[in-house]
PDB file of N, CA and C in Angstrom:
ATOM      1  N   UNK A   1      89.859 103.491  95.487  1.00  0.00           N
ATOM      2  CA  UNK A   1      89.964 102.722  95.926  1.00  0.00           C
ATOM      3  C   UNK A   1      89.264 103.105  96.702  1.00  0.00           C
ATOM      4  N   UNK A   2      88.878 103.905  97.428  1.00  0.00           N
ATOM      5  CA  UNK A   2      87.713 104.108  98.786  1.00  0.00           C
ATOM      6  C   UNK A   2      86.960 104.158  97.546  1.00  0.00           C
ATOM      7  N   UNK A   3      86.279 104.529  96.734  1.00  0.00           N
ATOM      8  CA  UNK A   3      84.955 104.277  95.766  1.00  0.00           C
ATOM      9  C   UNK A   3      84.112 103.590  96.293  1.00  0.00           C
ATOM     10  N   UNK A   4      85.968 102.452  95.604  1.00  0.00           N
ATOM     11  CA  UNK A   4      84.725 100.517  95.458  1.00  0.00           C
ATOM     12  C   UNK A   4      84.571  99.828  96.706  1.00  0.00           C
ATOM     13  N   UNK A   5      84.953 100.461  97.482  1.00  0.00           N
ATOM     14  CA  UNK A   5      84.831  99.999  99.167  1.00  0.00           C
ATOM     15  C   UNK A   5      83.648 100.781  99.185  1.00  0.00           C
ATOM     16  N   UNK A   6      83.759 101.554  99.339  1.00  0.00           N
ATOM     17  CA  UNK A   6      82.248 102.834  99.804  1.00  0.00           C
ATOM     18  C   UNK A   6      81.278 101.699  99.203  1.00  0.00           C
ATOM     19  N   UNK A   7      81.361 101.851  97.691  1.00  0.00           N
ATOM     20  CA  UNK A   7      80.367 100.902  96.962  1.00  0.00           C
ATOM     21  C   UNK A   7      79.962  99.833  97.684  1.00  0.00           C
ATOM     22  N   UNK A   8      80.425  99.033  97.556  1.00  0.00           N
ATOM     23  CA  UNK A   8      80.538  97.626  98.339  1.00  0.00           C
ATOM     24  C   UNK A   8      80.067  97.275  99.542  1.00  0.00           C
ATOM     25  N   UNK A   9      80.525  98.510 100.672  1.00  0.00           N
ATOM     26  CA  UNK A   9      80.023  98.313 102.047  1.00  0.00           C
ATOM     27  C   UNK A   9      77.867  99.409 101.393  1.00  0.00           C
ATOM     28  N   UNK A  10      77.552  99.931 101.012  1.00  0.00           N
ATOM     29  CA  UNK A  10      76.839 100.543 100.480  1.00  0.00           C
ATOM     30  C   UNK A  10      75.720  99.274  99.970  1.00  0.00           C
ATOM     31  N   UNK A  11      76.483  98.673  99.261  1.00  0.00           N
ATOM     32  CA  UNK A  11      75.669  97.388  98.609  1.00  0.00           C
ATOM     33  C   UNK A  11      75.608  96.516  99.476  1.00  0.00           C
ATOM     34  N   UNK A  12      75.968  95.940 100.258  1.00  0.00           N
ATOM     35  CA  UNK A  12      76.079  94.731 101.388  1.00  0.00           C
ATOM     36  C   UNK A  12      75.247  95.277 102.534  1.00  0.00           C
ATOM     37  N   UNK A  13      75.615  96.624 102.900  1.00  0.00           N
ATOM     38  CA  UNK A  13      74.746  97.050 104.447  1.00  0.00           C
ATOM     39  C   UNK A  13      73.486  96.487 103.533  1.00  0.00           C
ATOM     40  N   UNK A  14      72.334  97.347 102.093  1.00  0.00           N
ATOM     41  CA  UNK A  14      71.617  97.383 101.855  1.00  0.00           C
ATOM     42  C   UNK A  14      71.169  96.270 101.350  1.00  0.00           C
ATOM     43  N   UNK A  15      72.185  94.796 101.148  1.00  0.00           N
ATOM     44  CA  UNK A  15      71.656  94.308 101.074  1.00  0.00           C
ATOM     45  C   UNK A  15      71.345  93.036 102.360  1.00  0.00           C
ATOM     46  N   UNK A  16      72.092  93.245 102.858  1.00  0.00           N
ATOM     47  CA  UNK A  16      72.213  92.464 104.315  1.00  0.00           C
ATOM     48  C   UNK A  16      70.862  93.077 104.921  1.00  0.00           C
ATOM     49  N   UNK A  17      70.424  94.371 105.186  1.00  0.00           N
ATOM     50  CA  UNK A  17      69.284  94.591 106.404  1.00  0.00           C
ATOM     51  C   UNK A  17      68.331  94.626 105.532  1.00  0.00           C
ATOM     52  N   UNK A  18      68.030  94.780 103.990  1.00  0.00           N
ATOM     53  CA  UNK A  18      66.342  93.290 103.520  1.00  0.00           C
ATOM     54  C   UNK A  18      66.482  92.049 104.102  1.00  0.00           C
ATOM     55  N   UNK A  19      67.025  91.149 104.207  1.00  0.00           N
ATOM     56  CA  UNK A  19      67.910  89.800 103.656  1.00  0.00           C
ATOM     57  C   UNK A  19      66.777  90.562 105.488  1.00  0.00           C
ATOM     58  N   UNK A  20      67.396  90.408 106.759  1.00  0.00           N
ATOM     59  CA  UNK A  20      67.500  90.623 107.678  1.00  0.00           C
ATOM     60  C   UNK A  20      66.194  91.437 108.661  1.00  0.00           C
ATOM     61  N   UNK A  21      65.201  91.858 108.062  1.00  0.00           N
ATOM     62  CA  UNK A  21      64.413  92.195 108.277  1.00  0.00           C
ATOM     63  C   UNK A  21      63.403  91.529 109.116  1.00  0.00           C
ATOM     64  N   UNK A  22      62.832  91.581 110.313  1.00  0.00           N
ATOM     65  CA  UNK A  22      62.054  90.670 110.750  1.00  0.00           C
ATOM     66  C   UNK A  22      62.554  89.746 111.749  1.00  0.00           C
ATOM     67  N   UNK A  23      64.461  89.216 111.507  1.00  0.00           N
ATOM     68  CA  UNK A  23      64.755  88.718 112.123  1.00  0.00           C
ATOM     69  C   UNK A  23      65.419  88.679 113.624  1.00  0.00           C
ATOM     70  N   UNK A  24      65.300  88.153 114.333  1.00  0.00           N
ATOM     71  CA  UNK A  24      65.687  88.680 115.207  1.00  0.00           C
ATOM     72  C   UNK A  24      66.319  87.167 116.413  1.00  0.00           C
ATOM     73  N   UNK A  25      66.971  87.591 117.395  1.00  0.00           N
ATOM     74  CA  UNK A  25      67.563  86.566 117.973  1.00  0.00           C
ATOM     75  C   UNK A  25      69.343  86.474 118.466  1.00  0.00           C
ATOM     76  N   UNK A  26      69.340  85.334 120.048  1.00  0.00           N
ATOM     77  CA  UNK A  26      70.471  85.625 119.932  1.00  0.00           C
ATOM     78  C   UNK A  26      72.225  85.706 118.736  1.00  0.00           C
ATOM     79  N   UNK A  27      71.826  85.116 117.231  1.00  0.00           N
ATOM     80  CA  UNK A  27      72.569  85.109 116.472  1.00  0.00           C
ATOM     81  C   UNK A  27      73.466  86.513 116.206  1.00  0.00           C
ATOM     82  N   UNK A  28      72.169  87.051 115.716  1.00  0.00           N
ATOM     83  CA  UNK A  28      72.315  88.935 115.501  1.00  0.00           C
ATOM     84  C   UNK A  28      73.381  89.301 115.732  1.00  0.00           C
ATOM     85  N   UNK A  29      74.109  89.788 117.020  1.00  0.00           N
ATOM     86  CA  UNK A  29      74.862  90.248 117.958  1.00  0.00           C
ATOM     87  C   UNK A  29      75.722  89.678 116.544  1.00  0.00           C
ATOM     88  N   UNK A  30      76.336  88.291 117.190  1.00  0.00           N
ATOM     89  CA  UNK A  30      77.748  87.936 116.582  1.00  0.00           C
ATOM     90  C   UNK A  30      77.859  88.259 114.705  1.00  0.00           C
ATOM     91  N   UNK A  31      76.904  87.991 113.853  1.00  0.00           N
ATOM     92  CA  UNK A  31      76.623  88.082 112.651  1.00  0.00           C
ATOM     93  C   UNK A  31      77.219  89.525 112.503  1.00  0.00           C
ATOM     94  N   UNK A  32      76.173  90.303 113.499  1.00  0.00           N
ATOM     95  CA  UNK A  32      76.805  92.190 112.952  1.00  0.00           C
ATOM     96  C   UNK A  32      78.034  92.172 113.341  1.00  0.00           C
ATOM     97  N   UNK A  33      78.828  91.914 114.596  1.00  0.00           N
ATOM     98  CA  UNK A  33      80.662  92.184 114.707  1.00  0.00           C
ATOM     99  C   UNK A  33      81.731  91.256 113.681  1.00  0.00           C
ATOM    100  N   UNK A  34      80.753  90.279 113.058  1.00  0.00           N
ATOM    101  CA  UNK A  34      81.894  89.405 112.531  1.00  0.00           C
ATOM    102  C   UNK A  34      81.139  90.386 110.976  1.00  0.00           C
ATOM    103  N   UNK A  35      80.180  90.786 110.212  1.00  0.00           N
ATOM    104  CA  UNK A  35      80.463  91.993 109.670  1.00  0.00           C
ATOM    105  C   UNK A  35      81.066  92.761 109.574  1.00  0.00           C
ATOM    106  N   UNK A  36      81.463  94.167 110.703  1.00  0.00           N
ATOM    107  CA  UNK A  36      81.905  95.252 110.923  1.00  0.00           C
ATOM    108  C   UNK A  36      83.525  94.902 110.945  1.00  0.00           C
ATOM    109  N   UNK A  37      84.150  93.469 111.205  1.00  0.00           N
ATOM    110  CA  UNK A  37      84.770  92.943 111.068  1.00  0.00           C
ATOM    111  C   UNK A  37      85.694  92.414 110.188  1.00  0.00           C
ATOM    112  N   UNK A  38      84.583  91.956 109.017  1.00  0.00           N
ATOM    113  CA  UNK A  38      85.317  92.100 107.831  1.00  0.00           C
ATOM    114  C   UNK A  38      84.644  93.950 106.898  1.00  0.00           C
ATOM    115  N   UNK A  39      84.648  94.179 107.604  1.00  0.00           N
ATOM    116  CA  UNK A  39      84.493  95.471 106.740  1.00  0.00           C
ATOM    117  C   UNK A  39      85.619  96.478 107.045  1.00  0.00           C
ATOM    118  N   UNK A  40      86.155  96.569 108.734  1.00  0.00           N
ATOM    119  CA  UNK A  40      87.178  96.382 108.728  1.00  0.00           C
ATOM    120  C   UNK A  40      88.844  95.839 107.950  1.00  0.00           C
ATOM    121  N   UNK A  41      88.615  94.551 107.858  1.00  0.00           N
ATOM    122  CA  UNK A  41      89.772  94.005 107.170  1.00  0.00           C
ATOM    123  C   UNK A  41      89.920  94.047 105.680  1.00  0.00           C
ATOM    124  N   UNK A  42      88.731  94.301 105.305  1.00  0.00           N
ATOM    125  CA  UNK A  42      88.130  94.560 103.376  1.00  0.00           C
ATOM    126  C   UNK A  42      89.216  96.141 103.608  1.00  0.00           C
ATOM    127  N   UNK A  43      89.064  97.432 104.726  1.00  0.00           N
ATOM    128  CA  UNK A  43      89.265  98.574 104.644  1.00  0.00           C
ATOM    129  C   UNK A  43      91.268  98.558 104.570  1.00  0.00           C
ATOM    130  N   UNK A  44      91.504  97.795 105.802  1.00  0.00           N
ATOM    131  CA  UNK A  44      92.622  97.497 105.579  1.00  0.00           C
ATOM    132  C   UNK A  44      93.320  96.917 104.648  1.00  0.00           C
ATOM    133  N   UNK A  45      92.572  95.736 103.759  1.00  0.00           N
ATOM    134  CA  UNK A  45      92.743  95.531 102.452  1.00  0.00           C
ATOM    135  C   UNK A  45      93.649  96.568 101.585  1.00  0.00           C
ATOM    136  N   UNK A  46      92.323  97.395 101.005  1.00  0.00           N
ATOM    137  CA  UNK A  46      92.809  98.402 100.665  1.00  0.00           C
ATOM    138  C   UNK A  46      92.960  99.382 100.520  1.00  0.00           C
ATOM    139  N   UNK A  47      93.963  99.705 102.080  1.00  0.00           N
ATOM    140  CA  UNK A  47      94.955 100.698 102.220  1.00  0.00           C
ATOM    141  C   UNK A  47      95.850 100.423 101.749  1.00  0.00           C
ATOM    142  N   UNK A  48      96.479  98.667 102.082  1.00  0.00           N
ATOM    143  CA  UNK A  48      97.634  98.057 101.679  1.00  0.00           C
ATOM    144  C   UNK A  48      98.119  97.911 100.480  1.00  0.00           C
ATOM    145  N   UNK A  49      96.935  97.993  99.284  1.00  0.00           N
ATOM    146  CA  UNK A  49      97.349  97.711  98.257  1.00  0.00           C
ATOM    147  C   UNK A  49      97.222  99.444  97.692  1.00  0.00           C
ATOM    148  N   UNK A  50      96.886 100.167  97.683  1.00  0.00           N
ATOM    149  CA  UNK A  50      96.758 101.455  98.047  1.00  0.00           C
ATOM    150  C   UNK A  50      98.660 102.039  97.935  1.00  0.00           C
ATOM    151  N   UNK A  51      99.298 101.686  99.113  1.00  0.00           N
ATOM    152  CA  UNK A  51     100.214 101.957  99.291  1.00  0.00           C
ATOM    153  C   UNK A  51     100.485 100.878  98.805  1.00  0.00           C
ATOM    154  N   UNK A  52     100.612  99.609  98.512  1.00  0.00           N
ATOM    155  CA  UNK A  52     101.741  99.288  97.594  1.00  0.00           C
ATOM    156  C   UNK A  52     101.691 100.040  95.674  1.00  0.00           C
ATOM    157  N   UNK A  53     100.477 100.187  95.840  1.00  0.00           N
ATOM    158  CA  UNK A  53     100.469 100.140  94.516  1.00  0.00           C
ATOM    159  C   UNK A  53     101.526 102.037  94.377  1.00  0.00           C
ATOM    160  N   UNK A  54     101.369 103.168  95.303  1.00  0.00           N
ATOM    161  CA  UNK A  54     101.832 103.719  95.778  1.00  0.00           C
ATOM    162  C   UNK A  54     103.412 103.345  95.603  1.00  0.00           C
ATOM    163  N   UNK A  55     103.839 102.546  96.426  1.00  0.00           N
ATOM    164  CA  UNK A  55     105.640 101.812  96.285  1.00  0.00           C
ATOM    165  C   UNK A  55     105.621 101.331  94.689  1.00  0.00           C
ATOM    166  N   UNK A  56     104.752 100.650  93.907  1.00  0.00           N
ATOM    167  CA  UNK A  56     105.339 100.297  92.666  1.00  0.00           C
ATOM    168  C   UNK A  56     105.354 101.550  91.600  1.00  0.00           C
ATOM    169  N   UNK A  57     105.119 102.617  91.527  1.00  0.00           N
ATOM    170  CA  UNK A  57     104.955 103.670  91.080  1.00  0.00           C
ATOM    171  C   UNK A  57     106.316 104.278  90.971  1.00  0.00           C
ATOM    172  N   UNK A  58     106.579 104.302  92.585  1.00  0.00           N
ATOM    173  CA  UNK A  58     107.902 104.907  93.015  1.00  0.00           C
ATOM    174  C   UNK A  58     108.931 104.584  92.684  1.00  0.00           C
ATOM    175  N   UNK A  59     109.227 103.326  92.832  1.00  0.00           N
ATOM    176  CA  UNK A  59     109.885 102.879  92.151  1.00  0.00           C
ATOM    177  C   UNK A  59     110.203 102.672  90.595  1.00  0.00           C
ATOM    178  N   UNK A  60     109.318 102.044  90.039  1.00  0.00           N
ATOM    179  CA  UNK A  60     109.209 102.667  88.792  1.00  0.00           C
ATOM    180  C   UNK A  60     109.792 103.784  87.936  1.00  0.00           C
ATOM    181  N   UNK A  61     109.202 104.896  89.113  1.00  0.00           N
ATOM    182  CA  UNK A  61     109.746 105.664  88.582  1.00  0.00           C
ATOM    183  C   UNK A  61     111.701 106.558  89.226  1.00  0.00           C
ATOM    184  N   UNK A  62     111.907 105.625  90.097  1.00  0.00           N
ATOM    185  CA  UNK A  62     113.493 105.364  90.312  1.00  0.00           C
ATOM    186  C   UNK A  62     114.372 104.750  89.531  1.00  0.00           C
ATOM    187  N   UNK A  63     113.721 103.434  88.958  1.00  0.00           N
ATOM    188  CA  UNK A  63     114.093 102.834  87.814  1.00  0.00           C
ATOM    189  C   UNK A  63     114.341 103.730  86.425  1.00  0.00           C
ATOM    190  N   UNK A  64     113.175 103.723  86.527  1.00  0.00           N
ATOM    191  CA  UNK A  64     113.591 105.263  85.014  1.00  0.00           C
ATOM    192  C   UNK A  64     114.374 105.638  85.072  1.00  0.00           C
ATOM    193  N   UNK A  65     114.432 106.665  86.308  1.00  0.00           N
ATOM    194  CA  UNK A  65     115.980 108.020  86.212  1.00  0.00           C
ATOM    195  C   UNK A  65     117.469 107.079  86.175  1.00  0.00           C
ATOM    196  N   UNK A  66     117.582 106.593  87.073  1.00  0.00           N
ATOM    197  CA  UNK A  66     118.293 105.521  86.701  1.00  0.00           C
ATOM    198  C   UNK A  66     118.824 104.796  85.621  1.00  0.00           C
ATOM    199  N   UNK A  67     118.334 104.262  84.719  1.00  0.00           N
ATOM    200  CA  UNK A  67     118.277 103.742  83.268  1.00  0.00           C
ATOM    201  C   UNK A  67     118.317 105.092  82.503  1.00  0.00           C
ATOM    202  N   UNK A  68     117.567 106.294  82.608  1.00  0.00           N
ATOM    203  CA  UNK A  68     118.252 107.420  81.369  1.00  0.00           C
ATOM    204  C   UNK A  68     119.304 107.558  81.824  1.00  0.00           C
ATOM    205  N   UNK A  69     120.712 108.053  83.478  1.00  0.00           N
ATOM    206  CA  UNK A  69     121.149 108.177  83.909  1.00  0.00           C
ATOM    207  C   UNK A  69     122.629 107.185  83.021  1.00  0.00           C
ATOM    208  N   UNK A  70     122.117 106.683  83.186  1.00  0.00           N
ATOM    209  CA  UNK A  70     123.079 104.913  82.505  1.00  0.00           C
ATOM    210  C   UNK A  70     123.188 105.387  81.408  1.00  0.00           C
ATOM    211  N   UNK A  71     122.557 105.514  80.402  1.00  0.00           N
ATOM    212  CA  UNK A  71     121.923 105.932  78.920  1.00  0.00           C
ATOM    213  C   UNK A  71     123.041 107.512  78.555  1.00  0.00           C
ATOM    214  N   UNK A  72     122.518 108.344  79.426  1.00  0.00           N
ATOM    215  CA  UNK A  72     123.147 109.005  79.244  1.00  0.00           C
ATOM    216  C   UNK A  72     124.501 109.283  79.024  1.00  0.00           C
ATOM    217  N   UNK A  73     125.267 107.967  80.447  1.00  0.00           N
ATOM    218  CA  UNK A  73     126.526 108.821  80.184  1.00  0.00           C
ATOM    219  C   UNK A  73     126.704 107.712  79.379  1.00  0.00           C
ATOM    220  N   UNK A  74     126.283 106.335  79.446  1.00  0.00           N
ATOM    221  CA  UNK A  74     127.149 105.558  78.299  1.00  0.00           C
ATOM    222  C   UNK A  74     127.289 106.331  76.673  1.00  0.00           C
ATOM    223  N   UNK A  75     126.786 106.749  76.274  1.00  0.00           N
ATOM    224  CA  UNK A  75     125.956 107.556  75.455  1.00  0.00           C
ATOM    225  C   UNK A  75     127.787 109.015  75.385  1.00  0.00           C
ATOM    226  N   UNK A  76     127.839 109.507  76.361  1.00  0.00           N
ATOM    227  CA  UNK A  76     128.900 110.738  76.309  1.00  0.00           C
ATOM    228  C   UNK A  76     130.273 109.873  76.957  1.00  0.00           C
ATOM    229  N   UNK A  77     130.215 108.337  76.984  1.00  0.00           N
ATOM    230  CA  UNK A  77     131.531 108.060  77.038  1.00  0.00           C
ATOM    231  C   UNK A  77     131.532 108.160  76.056  1.00  0.00           C
ATOM    232  N   UNK A  78     130.608 107.336  75.014  1.00  0.00           N
ATOM    233  CA  UNK A  78     131.272 106.991  73.669  1.00  0.00           C
ATOM    234  C   UNK A  78     131.038 107.647  72.730  1.00  0.00           C
ATOM    235  N   UNK A  79     130.130 109.144  73.218  1.00  0.00           N
ATOM    236  CA  UNK A  79     130.799 110.491  72.691  1.00  0.00           C
ATOM    237  C   UNK A  79     132.072 111.238  72.194  1.00  0.00           C
ATOM    238  N   UNK A  80     132.690 110.540  72.489  1.00  0.00           N
ATOM    239  CA  UNK A  80     134.833 110.851  72.217  1.00  0.00           C
ATOM    240  C   UNK A  80     134.915 110.175  70.617  1.00  0.00           C
ATOM    241  N   UNK A  81     134.002 108.832  70.103  1.00  0.00           N
ATOM    242  CA  UNK A  81     134.188 108.755  69.316  1.00  0.00           C
ATOM    243  C   UNK A  81     133.170 108.712  68.065  1.00  0.00           C
ATOM    244  N   UNK A  82     133.512 108.967  66.704  1.00  0.00           N
ATOM    245  CA  UNK A  82     132.313 109.713  66.017  1.00  0.00           C
ATOM    246  C   UNK A  82     132.142 108.669  65.467  1.00  0.00           C
ATOM    247  N   UNK A  83     130.841 108.990  65.000  1.00  0.00           N
ATOM    248  CA  UNK A  83     130.137 108.042  64.679  1.00  0.00           C
ATOM    249  C   UNK A  83     130.720 107.416  62.931  1.00  0.00           C
ATOM    250  N   UNK A  84     130.892 106.286  63.058  1.00  0.00           N
ATOM    251  CA  UNK A  84     130.999 106.127  61.836  1.00  0.00           C
ATOM    252  C   UNK A  84     133.544 106.347  60.969  1.00  0.00           C
ATOM    253  N   UNK A  85     133.611 106.433  62.952  1.00  0.00           N
ATOM    254  CA  UNK A  85     135.069 106.691  62.895  1.00  0.00           C
ATOM    255  C   UNK A  85     136.053 105.607  62.833  1.00  0.00           C
ATOM    256  N   UNK A  86     135.234 105.177  62.782  1.00  0.00           N
ATOM    257  CA  UNK A  86     136.015 102.663  63.183  1.00  0.00           C
ATOM    258  C   UNK A  86     135.397 102.865  62.431  1.00  0.00           C
ATOM    259  N   UNK A  87     136.576 101.151  62.200  1.00  0.00           N
ATOM    260  CA  UNK A  87     136.079 100.293  60.347  1.00  0.00           C
ATOM    261  C   UNK A  87     134.747  99.648  60.727  1.00  0.00           C
ATOM    262  N   UNK A  88     133.615  99.563  62.271  1.00  0.00           N
ATOM    263  CA  UNK A  88     132.725  98.961  61.990  1.00  0.00           C
ATOM    264  C   UNK A  88     131.799  99.973  61.852  1.00  0.00           C
ATOM    265  N   UNK A  89     131.987 101.467  61.682  1.00  0.00           N
ATOM    266  CA  UNK A  89     130.525 102.888  60.924  1.00  0.00           C
ATOM    267  C   UNK A  89     130.608 102.983  62.287  1.00  0.00           C
ATOM    268  N   UNK A  90     130.657 102.950  63.840  1.00  0.00           N
ATOM    269  CA  UNK A  90     129.979 103.532  65.188  1.00  0.00           C
ATOM    270  C   UNK A  90     128.903 102.954  65.093  1.00  0.00           C
ATOM    271  N   UNK A  91     129.375 102.139  65.260  1.00  0.00           N
ATOM    272  CA  UNK A  91     127.975 100.899  65.452  1.00  0.00           C
ATOM    273  C   UNK A  91     128.090 101.041  66.930  1.00  0.00           C
ATOM    274  N   UNK A  92     128.703 100.693  67.901  1.00  0.00           N
ATOM    275  CA  UNK A  92     128.207 101.231  69.415  1.00  0.00           C
ATOM    276  C   UNK A  92     127.747 102.447  69.975  1.00  0.00           C
ATOM    277  N   UNK A  93     128.024 103.761  68.730  1.00  0.00           N
ATOM    278  CA  UNK A  93     127.670 104.921  69.040  1.00  0.00           C
ATOM    279  C   UNK A  93     126.313 105.121  68.919  1.00  0.00           C
ATOM    280  N   UNK A  94     125.965 104.621  67.698  1.00  0.00           N
ATOM    281  CA  UNK A  94     125.301 104.291  66.512  1.00  0.00           C
ATOM    282  C   UNK A  94     123.860 103.937  67.766  1.00  0.00           C
ATOM    283  N   UNK A  95     124.537 102.518  67.834  1.00  0.00           N
ATOM    284  CA  UNK A  95     122.593 102.080  68.808  1.00  0.00           C
ATOM    285  C   UNK A  95     122.710 102.717  70.555  1.00  0.00           C
ATOM    286  N   UNK A  96     123.529 103.333  71.126  1.00  0.00           N
ATOM    287  CA  UNK A  96     123.538 103.415  71.944  1.00  0.00           C
ATOM    288  C   UNK A  96     122.586 105.009  71.491  1.00  0.00           C
ATOM    289  N   UNK A  97     122.537 105.155  70.867  1.00  0.00           N
ATOM    290  CA  UNK A  97     122.041 106.712  70.655  1.00  0.00           C
ATOM    291  C   UNK A  97     120.272 106.710  70.530  1.00  0.00           C
ATOM    292  N   UNK A  98     120.468 105.465  69.123  1.00  0.00           N
ATOM    293  CA  UNK A  98     119.132 105.003  69.351  1.00  0.00           C
ATOM    294  C   UNK A  98     118.557 104.605  70.470  1.00  0.00           C
ATOM    295  N   UNK A  99     119.284 104.101  71.361  1.00  0.00           N
ATOM    296  CA  UNK A  99     118.693 103.869  72.234  1.00  0.00           C
ATOM    297  C   UNK A  99     118.057 104.526  73.306  1.00  0.00           C
ATOM    298  N   UNK A 100     118.756 105.859  73.259  1.00  0.00           N
ATOM    299  CA  UNK A 100     118.440 106.561  74.320  1.00  0.00           C
ATOM    300  C   UNK A 100     117.462 107.291  74.114  1.00  0.00           C
ATOM    301  N   UNK A 101     116.989 107.021  72.331  1.00  0.00           N
ATOM    302  CA  UNK A 101     115.707 107.518  72.029  1.00  0.00           C
ATOM    303  C   UNK A 101     114.422 107.871  72.257  1.00  0.00           C
ATOM    304  N   UNK A 102     113.734 108.632  73.005  1.00  0.00           N
ATOM    305  CA  UNK A 102     112.317 108.227  74.108  1.00  0.00           C
ATOM    306  C   UNK A 102     111.169 107.330  73.140  1.00  0.00           C
ATOM    307  N   UNK A 103     110.189 105.665  73.993  1.00  0.00           N
ATOM    308  CA  UNK A 103     110.278 104.784  72.700  1.00  0.00           C
ATOM    309  C   UNK A 103     109.080 106.414  71.668  1.00  0.00           C
ATOM    310  N   UNK A 104     108.711 105.691  71.144  1.00  0.00           N
ATOM    311  CA  UNK A 104     106.994 106.749  70.038  1.00  0.00           C
ATOM    312  C   UNK A 104     106.321 105.522  70.108  1.00  0.00           C
TER     313      UNK A 104
END
């Protein structure tokens, strides 16, 4: 994300520099201050987005690990009943085994 931020800042700086050549006056300092504040807020936004993305990846990993543990526990809990050992043909066991397989 930092590359995008730097590219935007560079592009904007070049555009503003060329657009403001020869312009002078009391409004230039406030304009410069406003652009600096905008750049600072853009940096903060990208930092926040990066932290949010990292947090979401962490949550997804934790959820995946928890889901895997649940599936393994369910398979182990039903492994005492042999597939086909009851009148349903081991439907629960077969279904849990199918769900525990990685998706391809």
